[in-house]
Amino acid sequence: MYCKLDDIQGVMSDAELIQLTDDNVPPAIIEQTNVDKAISRAGNLIDGYLRGRYVLPLNPVPGILLDLAVDVAVYNLYKRKKKIKMPESISEDYKNTLKILDLIQNGKVDIGSAKITAPPTSDSVSNTAGGGSVAGGNRLFSRDSLKGF
């Protein structure tokens, strides 16, 4: 989980949260289950962008991801209430969040967490126990030497 209800309450009022989460008429409480679903969906989206680049789950959660998760969760809360007009600023924040996540995914923004390292290739194998390493030589058969066969 990249954010909590408290984080969302930092950017919107309880009255707004009640309106977006409580399906009873008249709304009276912040429905935690609906908040949790919006937060979970935000986390799934973020993980989708981070998977393959960073070791998940992230611990601790970088501050930038907390902010992005709040933006996505708020967007998700508005999205679940189709009768309530989503403010343009919420939609813009969501679009900007997706752009930032794309930059993170492509390695243009570093979140400061442990990255997944590439497995060793067949040309370079390291023996960490003995401290030595082996590097492969030139290939006997290459794409160019096999041309025409």
N, C-alpha and C. Protein backbone atom coordinates (compact mmCIF):
# COMPACT_ATOMS: atom_id res chain seq x y z
N MET A 1 0.84 -1.17 0.00
CA MET A 1 0.00 0.00 0.00
C MET A 1 0.89 1.24 0.00
N TYR A 2 0.63 2.13 -0.90
CA TYR A 2 1.47 3.31 -1.03
C TYR A 2 0.93 4.53 -0.28
N CYS A 3 -0.35 4.49 0.11
CA CYS A 3 -0.93 5.58 0.88
C CYS A 3 -2.03 5.04 1.79
N LYS A 4 -2.52 5.91 2.67
CA LYS A 4 -3.58 5.55 3.61
C LYS A 4 -4.66 6.62 3.56
N LEU A 5 -5.75 6.35 4.26
CA LEU A 5 -6.86 7.31 4.35
C LEU A 5 -6.36 8.65 4.86
N ASP A 6 -5.48 8.65 5.86
CA ASP A 6 -4.96 9.91 6.41
C ASP A 6 -4.29 10.76 5.33
N ASP A 7 -3.60 10.10 4.40
CA ASP A 7 -2.92 10.83 3.32
C ASP A 7 -3.94 11.48 2.39
N ILE A 8 -5.03 10.77 2.12
CA ILE A 8 -6.09 11.32 1.25
C ILE A 8 -6.80 12.47 1.96
N GLN A 9 -6.99 12.33 3.28
CA GLN A 9 -7.63 13.40 4.04
C GLN A 9 -6.78 14.66 4.05
N GLY A 10 -5.52 14.53 3.72
CA GLY A 10 -4.66 15.70 3.63
C GLY A 10 -4.91 16.54 2.38
N VAL A 11 -5.60 15.97 1.40
CA VAL A 11 -5.84 16.71 0.15
C VAL A 11 -7.32 16.95 -0.14
N MET A 12 -8.21 16.34 0.64
CA MET A 12 -9.65 16.60 0.45
C MET A 12 -10.36 16.57 1.79
N SER A 13 -11.47 17.24 1.85
CA SER A 13 -12.22 17.34 3.10
C SER A 13 -12.96 16.04 3.41
N ASP A 14 -13.32 15.87 4.69
CA ASP A 14 -14.12 14.71 5.08
C ASP A 14 -15.47 14.73 4.38
N ALA A 15 -16.04 15.93 4.18
CA ALA A 15 -17.33 16.03 3.49
C ALA A 15 -17.23 15.48 2.07
N GLU A 16 -16.13 15.80 1.37
CA GLU A 16 -15.92 15.27 0.03
C GLU A 16 -15.76 13.75 0.07
N LEU A 17 -14.98 13.27 1.03
CA LEU A 17 -14.76 11.83 1.16
C LEU A 17 -16.07 11.09 1.46
N ILE A 18 -16.89 11.67 2.32
CA ILE A 18 -18.18 11.05 2.62
C ILE A 18 -19.02 10.98 1.35
N GLN A 19 -19.06 12.07 0.62
CA GLN A 19 -19.84 12.12 -0.62
C GLN A 19 -19.36 11.09 -1.63
N LEU A 20 -18.05 10.85 -1.69
CA LEU A 20 -17.48 9.93 -2.68
C LEU A 20 -17.48 8.48 -2.24
N THR A 21 -17.60 8.23 -0.93
CA THR A 21 -17.46 6.85 -0.47
C THR A 21 -18.73 6.24 0.11
N ASP A 22 -19.61 7.05 0.68
CA ASP A 22 -20.81 6.51 1.33
C ASP A 22 -21.95 6.47 0.32
N ASP A 23 -22.45 5.28 0.07
CA ASP A 23 -23.52 5.10 -0.92
C ASP A 23 -24.91 5.20 -0.32
N ASN A 24 -25.01 5.47 0.98
CA ASN A 24 -26.31 5.62 1.63
C ASN A 24 -26.86 7.02 1.40
N VAL A 25 -28.17 7.15 1.47
CA VAL A 25 -28.81 8.46 1.29
C VAL A 25 -29.45 8.84 2.60
N PRO A 26 -29.18 9.93 3.24
CA PRO A 26 -28.07 10.82 2.92
C PRO A 26 -26.74 10.21 3.38
N PRO A 27 -25.63 10.56 2.72
CA PRO A 27 -24.34 10.03 3.15
C PRO A 27 -23.99 10.53 4.55
N ALA A 28 -23.37 9.68 5.34
CA ALA A 28 -23.09 10.07 6.72
C ALA A 28 -21.67 9.75 7.19
N ILE A 29 -21.00 8.77 6.56
CA ILE A 29 -19.66 8.38 7.03
C ILE A 29 -18.70 8.19 5.86
N ILE A 30 -17.42 8.22 6.18
CA ILE A 30 -16.41 7.83 5.19
C ILE A 30 -16.41 6.31 5.19
N GLU A 31 -16.76 5.72 4.08
CA GLU A 31 -16.83 4.26 3.97
C GLU A 31 -15.42 3.73 3.67
N GLN A 32 -14.79 3.18 4.71
CA GLN A 32 -13.40 2.73 4.64
C GLN A 32 -13.20 1.69 3.53
N THR A 33 -14.18 0.80 3.33
CA THR A 33 -14.05 -0.24 2.30
C THR A 33 -13.85 0.37 0.92
N ASN A 34 -14.61 1.42 0.61
CA ASN A 34 -14.47 2.06 -0.70
C ASN A 34 -13.16 2.82 -0.82
N VAL A 35 -12.69 3.39 0.28
CA VAL A 35 -11.38 4.05 0.28
C VAL A 35 -10.29 3.01 0.04
N ASP A 36 -10.39 1.88 0.75
CA ASP A 36 -9.39 0.82 0.61
C ASP A 36 -9.34 0.29 -0.83
N LYS A 37 -10.49 0.17 -1.48
CA LYS A 37 -10.51 -0.30 -2.87
C LYS A 37 -9.80 0.70 -3.78
N ALA A 38 -10.06 1.99 -3.58
CA ALA A 38 -9.42 3.02 -4.40
C ALA A 38 -7.90 3.02 -4.18
N ILE A 39 -7.48 2.83 -2.93
CA ILE A 39 -6.05 2.79 -2.61
C ILE A 39 -5.41 1.54 -3.20
N SER A 40 -6.10 0.41 -3.10
CA SER A 40 -5.58 -0.84 -3.65
C SER A 40 -5.41 -0.75 -5.17
N ARG A 41 -6.39 -0.17 -5.83
CA ARG A 41 -6.28 0.00 -7.29
C ARG A 41 -5.13 0.93 -7.66
N ALA A 42 -4.93 1.95 -6.86
CA ALA A 42 -3.80 2.86 -7.09
C ALA A 42 -2.49 2.10 -6.95
N GLY A 43 -2.39 1.27 -5.91
CA GLY A 43 -1.18 0.47 -5.70
C GLY A 43 -0.93 -0.51 -6.83
N ASN A 44 -1.99 -1.13 -7.32
CA ASN A 44 -1.85 -2.07 -8.44
C ASN A 44 -1.34 -1.37 -9.69
N LEU A 45 -1.85 -0.17 -9.94
CA LEU A 45 -1.40 0.60 -11.10
C LEU A 45 0.08 0.94 -10.96
N ILE A 46 0.46 1.44 -9.80
CA ILE A 46 1.86 1.82 -9.56
C ILE A 46 2.76 0.60 -9.68
N ASP A 47 2.37 -0.52 -9.07
CA ASP A 47 3.17 -1.74 -9.16
C ASP A 47 3.34 -2.18 -10.61
N GLY A 48 2.31 -1.99 -11.42
CA GLY A 48 2.40 -2.35 -12.83
C GLY A 48 3.51 -1.58 -13.54
N TYR A 49 3.68 -0.33 -13.16
CA TYR A 49 4.74 0.48 -13.76
C TYR A 49 6.12 0.12 -13.19
N LEU A 50 6.17 -0.27 -11.91
CA LEU A 50 7.46 -0.52 -11.25
C LEU A 50 7.97 -1.94 -11.45
N ARG A 51 7.05 -2.87 -11.68
CA ARG A 51 7.43 -4.29 -11.81
C ARG A 51 8.45 -4.45 -12.94
N GLY A 52 9.48 -5.19 -12.66
CA GLY A 52 10.53 -5.42 -13.66
C GLY A 52 11.67 -4.43 -13.54
N ARG A 53 11.47 -3.33 -12.82
CA ARG A 53 12.53 -2.34 -12.63
C ARG A 53 12.96 -2.29 -11.16
N TYR A 54 12.00 -2.41 -10.25
CA TYR A 54 12.30 -2.31 -8.82
C TYR A 54 11.87 -3.58 -8.09
N VAL A 55 12.55 -3.87 -6.99
CA VAL A 55 12.20 -4.99 -6.14
C VAL A 55 10.95 -4.60 -5.35
N LEU A 56 9.88 -5.37 -5.53
CA LEU A 56 8.61 -5.08 -4.85
C LEU A 56 8.35 -6.11 -3.77
N PRO A 57 7.70 -5.79 -2.69
CA PRO A 57 7.14 -4.47 -2.34
C PRO A 57 8.25 -3.54 -1.86
N LEU A 58 8.04 -2.26 -2.09
CA LEU A 58 9.01 -1.26 -1.68
C LEU A 58 8.88 -0.99 -0.18
N ASN A 59 10.01 -1.00 0.51
CA ASN A 59 9.98 -0.71 1.93
C ASN A 59 11.28 -0.02 2.29
N PRO A 60 11.27 1.23 2.62
CA PRO A 60 10.11 2.10 2.80
C PRO A 60 9.59 2.62 1.46
N VAL A 61 8.38 3.14 1.48
CA VAL A 61 7.77 3.70 0.28
C VAL A 61 8.37 5.09 0.05
N PRO A 62 8.96 5.32 -1.13
CA PRO A 62 9.49 6.65 -1.43
C PRO A 62 8.38 7.70 -1.43
N GLY A 63 8.69 8.88 -0.95
CA GLY A 63 7.71 9.97 -0.85
C GLY A 63 7.01 10.28 -2.15
N ILE A 64 7.73 10.22 -3.26
CA ILE A 64 7.10 10.53 -4.55
C ILE A 64 5.97 9.55 -4.85
N LEU A 65 6.14 8.29 -4.46
CA LEU A 65 5.09 7.31 -4.73
C LEU A 65 3.87 7.52 -3.84
N LEU A 66 4.09 8.01 -2.63
CA LEU A 66 2.97 8.34 -1.76
C LEU A 66 2.10 9.41 -2.43
N ASP A 67 2.74 10.45 -2.93
CA ASP A 67 2.00 11.53 -3.60
C ASP A 67 1.27 11.02 -4.84
N LEU A 68 1.94 10.20 -5.63
CA LEU A 68 1.31 9.66 -6.84
C LEU A 68 0.13 8.75 -6.48
N ALA A 69 0.29 7.95 -5.42
CA ALA A 69 -0.79 7.05 -5.00
C ALA A 69 -2.00 7.84 -4.53
N VAL A 70 -1.79 8.92 -3.82
CA VAL A 70 -2.90 9.76 -3.37
C VAL A 70 -3.66 10.31 -4.59
N ASP A 71 -2.92 10.81 -5.58
CA ASP A 71 -3.56 11.34 -6.78
C ASP A 71 -4.40 10.28 -7.49
N VAL A 72 -3.88 9.08 -7.60
CA VAL A 72 -4.60 8.00 -8.29
C VAL A 72 -5.80 7.55 -7.45
N ALA A 73 -5.63 7.44 -6.14
CA ALA A 73 -6.73 7.01 -5.28
C ALA A 73 -7.88 8.02 -5.31
N VAL A 74 -7.57 9.31 -5.26
CA VAL A 74 -8.61 10.35 -5.34
C VAL A 74 -9.32 10.25 -6.68
N TYR A 75 -8.57 10.08 -7.75
CA TYR A 75 -9.17 9.90 -9.07
C TYR A 75 -10.12 8.70 -9.07
N ASN A 76 -9.66 7.59 -8.47
CA ASN A 76 -10.49 6.38 -8.41
C ASN A 76 -11.77 6.61 -7.62
N LEU A 77 -11.69 7.40 -6.56
CA LEU A 77 -12.90 7.70 -5.77
C LEU A 77 -13.91 8.50 -6.60
N TYR A 78 -13.43 9.47 -7.35
CA TYR A 78 -14.34 10.23 -8.21
C TYR A 78 -14.90 9.34 -9.32
N LYS A 79 -14.07 8.48 -9.83
CA LYS A 79 -14.48 7.61 -10.93
C LYS A 79 -15.62 6.67 -10.51
N ARG A 80 -15.64 6.24 -9.26
CA ARG A 80 -16.68 5.33 -8.80
C ARG A 80 -18.03 6.02 -8.64
N LYS A 81 -18.03 7.36 -8.54
CA LYS A 81 -19.28 8.12 -8.40
C LYS A 81 -19.52 8.91 -9.68
N LYS A 82 -20.07 8.24 -10.65
CA LYS A 82 -20.24 8.83 -11.99
C LYS A 82 -21.13 10.08 -11.98
N LYS A 83 -22.05 10.17 -11.00
CA LYS A 83 -22.98 11.31 -10.95
C LYS A 83 -22.32 12.58 -10.42
N ILE A 84 -21.16 12.44 -9.81
CA ILE A 84 -20.44 13.60 -9.29
C ILE A 84 -19.40 14.01 -10.31
N LYS A 85 -19.46 15.27 -10.73
CA LYS A 85 -18.52 15.76 -11.75
C LYS A 85 -17.11 15.82 -11.17
N MET A 86 -16.21 15.17 -11.86
CA MET A 86 -14.81 15.18 -11.44
C MET A 86 -14.20 16.53 -11.76
N PRO A 87 -13.57 17.18 -10.77
CA PRO A 87 -12.89 18.45 -11.05
C PRO A 87 -11.77 18.24 -12.07
N GLU A 88 -11.56 19.23 -12.90
CA GLU A 88 -10.52 19.16 -13.92
C GLU A 88 -9.14 18.96 -13.29
N SER A 89 -8.93 19.55 -12.13
CA SER A 89 -7.62 19.42 -11.47
C SER A 89 -7.33 17.96 -11.09
N ILE A 90 -8.35 17.20 -10.70
CA ILE A 90 -8.17 15.78 -10.35
C ILE A 90 -7.78 15.00 -11.59
N SER A 91 -8.47 15.27 -12.68
CA SER A 91 -8.17 14.60 -13.95
C SER A 91 -6.76 14.94 -14.43
N GLU A 92 -6.37 16.19 -14.30
CA GLU A 92 -5.02 16.63 -14.71
C GLU A 92 -3.95 15.99 -13.83
N ASP A 93 -4.21 15.94 -12.52
CA ASP A 93 -3.26 15.29 -11.61
C ASP A 93 -3.06 13.83 -12.01
N TYR A 94 -4.14 13.16 -12.36
CA TYR A 94 -4.07 11.75 -12.76
C TYR A 94 -3.23 11.59 -14.03
N LYS A 95 -3.49 12.43 -15.01
CA LYS A 95 -2.72 12.37 -16.26
C LYS A 95 -1.24 12.63 -16.01
N ASN A 96 -0.93 13.60 -15.16
CA ASN A 96 0.47 13.90 -14.83
C ASN A 96 1.11 12.75 -14.07
N THR A 97 0.34 12.10 -13.20
CA THR A 97 0.84 10.94 -12.47
C THR A 97 1.23 9.83 -13.43
N LEU A 98 0.40 9.57 -14.42
CA LEU A 98 0.72 8.53 -15.41
C LEU A 98 1.99 8.88 -16.18
N LYS A 99 2.19 10.16 -16.47
CA LYS A 99 3.42 10.58 -17.16
C LYS A 99 4.65 10.34 -16.29
N ILE A 100 4.52 10.67 -15.00
CA ILE A 100 5.65 10.46 -14.08
C ILE A 100 5.93 8.97 -13.92
N LEU A 101 4.87 8.16 -13.80
CA LEU A 101 5.07 6.72 -13.68
C LEU A 101 5.75 6.16 -14.93
N ASP A 102 5.42 6.69 -16.08
CA ASP A 102 6.07 6.26 -17.31
C ASP A 102 7.56 6.63 -17.29
N LEU A 103 7.88 7.82 -16.78
CA LEU A 103 9.28 8.23 -16.67
C LEU A 103 10.04 7.33 -15.69
N ILE A 104 9.38 6.96 -14.59
CA ILE A 104 10.00 6.05 -13.61
C ILE A 104 10.24 4.70 -14.27
N GLN A 105 9.24 4.21 -14.97
CA GLN A 105 9.34 2.90 -15.62
C GLN A 105 10.49 2.87 -16.63
N ASN A 106 10.70 3.97 -17.33
CA ASN A 106 11.73 4.03 -18.36
C ASN A 106 13.09 4.46 -17.81
N GLY A 107 13.20 4.58 -16.49
CA GLY A 107 14.48 4.89 -15.87
C GLY A 107 14.89 6.35 -15.94
N LYS A 108 13.99 7.23 -16.32
CA LYS A 108 14.32 8.65 -16.42
C LYS A 108 14.12 9.39 -15.10
N VAL A 109 13.37 8.78 -14.18
CA VAL A 109 13.20 9.30 -12.82
C VAL A 109 13.53 8.16 -11.88
N ASP A 110 14.47 8.41 -10.97
CA ASP A 110 14.90 7.38 -10.01
C ASP A 110 14.19 7.64 -8.68
N ILE A 111 13.54 6.61 -8.15
CA ILE A 111 12.81 6.77 -6.89
C ILE A 111 13.67 6.40 -5.68
N GLY A 112 14.91 5.99 -5.91
CA GLY A 112 15.83 5.72 -4.83
C GLY A 112 15.63 4.39 -4.13
N SER A 113 14.96 3.46 -4.76
CA SER A 113 14.76 2.13 -4.17
C SER A 113 15.61 1.10 -4.89
N ALA A 114 15.65 -0.09 -4.31
CA ALA A 114 16.47 -1.16 -4.88
C ALA A 114 15.95 -1.57 -6.25
N LYS A 115 16.83 -1.49 -7.24
CA LYS A 115 16.47 -1.88 -8.60
C LYS A 115 16.70 -3.36 -8.78
N ILE A 116 15.98 -3.93 -9.69
CA ILE A 116 16.22 -5.32 -10.06
C ILE A 116 17.45 -5.34 -10.95
N THR A 117 18.39 -6.19 -10.61
CA THR A 117 19.60 -6.29 -11.42
C THR A 117 19.39 -7.34 -12.50
N ALA A 118 20.01 -7.11 -13.62
CA ALA A 118 19.90 -8.06 -14.73
C ALA A 118 20.67 -9.32 -14.40
N PRO A 119 20.14 -10.47 -14.77
CA PRO A 119 20.88 -11.71 -14.54
C PRO A 119 22.14 -11.72 -15.39
N PRO A 120 23.18 -12.43 -14.95
CA PRO A 120 24.41 -12.46 -15.74
C PRO A 120 24.17 -13.07 -17.11
N THR A 121 24.89 -12.55 -18.08
CA THR A 121 24.78 -13.07 -19.44
C THR A 121 25.73 -14.23 -19.61
N SER A 122 25.59 -14.97 -20.69
CA SER A 122 26.47 -16.11 -20.93
C SER A 122 27.88 -15.66 -21.29
N ASP A 123 28.04 -14.40 -21.71
CA ASP A 123 29.38 -13.91 -22.06
C ASP A 123 30.18 -13.47 -20.84
N SER A 124 29.51 -13.21 -19.72
CA SER A 124 30.21 -12.73 -18.54
C SER A 124 29.59 -13.35 -17.30
N VAL A 125 30.32 -14.30 -16.71
CA VAL A 125 29.84 -14.98 -15.52
C VAL A 125 30.80 -14.67 -14.40
N SER A 126 30.27 -14.30 -13.26
CA SER A 126 31.10 -13.93 -12.13
C SER A 126 31.00 -15.00 -11.04
N ASN A 127 32.12 -15.32 -10.44
CA ASN A 127 32.16 -16.25 -9.33
C ASN A 127 32.40 -15.44 -8.07
N THR A 128 31.33 -15.13 -7.33
CA THR A 128 31.47 -14.27 -6.17
C THR A 128 32.18 -14.95 -5.02
N ALA A 129 32.10 -16.27 -4.90
CA ALA A 129 32.76 -16.98 -3.80
C ALA A 129 34.27 -16.88 -3.93
N GLY A 130 34.81 -17.07 -5.15
CA GLY A 130 36.25 -17.06 -5.34
C GLY A 130 36.77 -15.71 -5.77
N GLY A 131 35.91 -14.81 -6.12
CA GLY A 131 36.32 -13.48 -6.52
C GLY A 131 36.77 -13.38 -7.96
N GLY A 132 36.85 -14.49 -8.69
CA GLY A 132 37.29 -14.44 -10.09
C GLY A 132 36.13 -14.21 -11.03
N SER A 133 36.46 -14.01 -12.27
CA SER A 133 35.41 -13.88 -13.27
C SER A 133 35.89 -14.49 -14.57
N VAL A 134 34.94 -14.87 -15.38
CA VAL A 134 35.23 -15.49 -16.66
C VAL A 134 34.53 -14.67 -17.72
N ALA A 135 35.22 -14.32 -18.77
CA ALA A 135 34.62 -13.59 -19.88
C ALA A 135 34.74 -14.44 -21.13
N GLY A 136 33.65 -14.54 -21.86
CA GLY A 136 33.64 -15.33 -23.08
C GLY A 136 34.41 -14.65 -24.18
N GLY A 137 34.97 -15.44 -25.08
CA GLY A 137 35.71 -14.89 -26.21
C GLY A 137 34.79 -14.60 -27.38
N ASN A 138 35.43 -14.38 -28.53
CA ASN A 138 34.64 -14.13 -29.73
C ASN A 138 33.93 -15.39 -30.16
N ARG A 139 32.78 -15.23 -30.74
CA ARG A 139 32.01 -16.39 -31.20
C ARG A 139 32.66 -16.98 -32.45
N LEU A 140 32.63 -18.29 -32.52
CA LEU A 140 33.16 -18.99 -33.68
C LEU A 140 32.21 -18.79 -34.86
N PHE A 141 30.93 -18.90 -34.57
CA PHE A 141 29.91 -18.72 -35.61
C PHE A 141 29.09 -17.51 -35.27
N SER A 142 29.13 -16.51 -36.13
CA SER A 142 28.33 -15.30 -35.92
C SER A 142 27.27 -15.22 -37.01
N ARG A 143 26.42 -14.24 -36.88
CA ARG A 143 25.38 -14.02 -37.87
C ARG A 143 26.01 -13.75 -39.24
N ASP A 144 27.11 -13.00 -39.25
CA ASP A 144 27.76 -12.68 -40.52
C ASP A 144 28.45 -13.89 -41.12
N SER A 145 29.12 -14.70 -40.28
CA SER A 145 29.85 -15.86 -40.83
C SER A 145 28.90 -16.96 -41.33
N LEU A 146 27.68 -16.96 -40.82
CA LEU A 146 26.71 -17.96 -41.26
C LEU A 146 25.80 -17.47 -42.38
N LYS A 147 26.03 -16.27 -42.85
CA LYS A 147 25.21 -15.73 -43.95
C LYS A 147 25.31 -16.62 -45.16
N GLY A 148 24.18 -16.96 -45.73
CA GLY A 148 24.15 -17.77 -46.93
C GLY A 148 23.94 -19.24 -46.65
N PHE A 149 23.95 -19.65 -45.39
CA PHE A 149 23.72 -21.07 -45.06
C PHE A 149 22.27 -21.31 -44.76
